[in-house]
Amino acid sequence: MRIVVAPDSYKGSVSALGVAQAMERGILRVFPEADVRKIPIADGGEGTVEALVAATNGAMRRMDVTGPLGERVTAHWGVLGDGRTAVIEMAAASGLPLVPAERRDPRISTTRGTGELMRAALDAGLRKIIIGIGGSATNDGGAGMARALGARFLDDGGRELPDGGAALSRLARIDLSGLDPRLEDCRITVACDVDNPLCGPRGASAVFGPQKGATPEIVAELDAALGHFSTLAEKAAGRAVAGLSGAGAAGGLGAGLMYFTPAQLRPGVEIVLDAVNFAGVAEGAAFVLTGEGRTDFQTAFGKAPVGVARVAKRFGAPVFCLSGGLGDGADDVLAQGIDAVMSICDRPLTLDECMKTGGALIESATERLCRVIRAIRPNG
C-alpha cells in the first residue's frame, strides 16, 4: 500500500521534512508494510529550498551575501536533484527576520543579496532558477537585485544611487548595458502567491510597507518612488509590468524580476509540486496526508495543503490534513479536495507547549488517524 506524505512546515516548530518524518513514524506503527513516500513541500515562502532539495535528493549550498541593510549575512540556497535547477528563497538574503524590529526601514533596505544568490547560480552553470519571494524586508522594486546582476541606477548627474526604495525618487536613468547576458538563456520561475500591483492602494508600499516599518508618510514616499521607478524601468526594459498581478510582491521584487530578467510568476505551491513530480507520486496512492501549522480560511485560497489536494484528487486519492491549529474558516478546505481536517492537539496545550512538542504531537495524531483508516479499510 502506497501512502503519500506531503506536508508544509509547521513554522517555528517543525520543518516540512521533520513533519514528513514524524508522519511516517505514525503511519508505520499502524501500517508497518506501507510504502511511505515523503514529499515535504512549501508554497514559495519559508522552507521552499529545504523542501525541494529534500524531495529531489538535491544539495544545499551557502554563501555570504549582502543583507537587507547592507551587512553581510550567510544565506542558504539549493540545487535540485536534476543538477540543473537552482532554488532560492529571497528571504534568506533579503528577509524581514534578518532585520531587528527597531531597525526596520523599507526606505533603505535592499534586495541586492537576492541578486547575488542568482549570480551564484549562474556561476555554477545553472540556467533554471526557482525563486520564492515571500517574507521580504524590502521595498526597492528589485533594483538591488538588478544591481547585483549588472544593472546601474543613475541620478541626473550620472552617479550611482544608493540602495533602497526611497532613493528611486531621484532616479534619472537605468543602464542595462552591463546586465548579465547569461540571463537571456535562463528559465526563471518565481513563486508568488499575492496578486498586488506595484503601486497604488493595493500596491507594494501601501499593503506590505507597514509591516516592514513604514509609517503612512513613508508609505506615500515609497509609493511615489516606485511609480517613478516603473516609468523609467518600462522605458529601459521595453515592457510594462507595474499593473500585472504579483508586481507588488516582495516590495516590488516581482516587478523587478519581470522587468530585468525573463521571469514568469506562478503560484508557489504549483511550482513546488511540479518540481517534485507530485502527480507521478500521488497516482495510485491509497491516501495522501498533508498538513501545516495553522489551517484557516486563507488555506482555501491555494496554500500548500489545498495545492496537494487538487493534484491528488485527479487520481481519486483521499486527502487528510493534520494541522497544528484550526482557525476560522478551516472547514472551507473541504470544498477544495481535502476530505478531513483535524488538529494534532490531543489535550489542552499552550502555544509554547505545542511548538516545543510539535514532532511528537504530529506522530501521535498520525497514528490515531491511521487506526481509524485501518478500521474502515482493513485491507488498505
Foldseek 3Di string as FASTA:
>chain_A
DEEEEEAQALPLFGHLVLLQVLLVLLQCVQVVPYRYQYQYDFFLAPRHQVRQCVLQVWDKDWDWFQAFQRDTDIFIWIAGNVNAETEEELCRRFALVVDPPVGQDQQATASLRVLVVVVVCVVSVHQEYEYRQPGGLYQQLCPNSQVNQFKAFAAPVRDGFHHGQLSLQRTDAIHCPGGHPSLVSHEYEYAADFFAFCADCRAQLNPPVVVRPDDPVNSVSSRNSVVSVQVRLCVVQVHHGRNGTRCRGNNRSNVVCVSRGVYDYDGRLVVSCVSSVVLVSLAPHQAYEYEYAEAELVVLSPGNQLSSQQSNVVRPHAYEYEYQYYDYHNCVSCVSRHVYYDYLDPDDDDPVVCSHCVSVSSSVSSNVVSVVVCVVVVPD
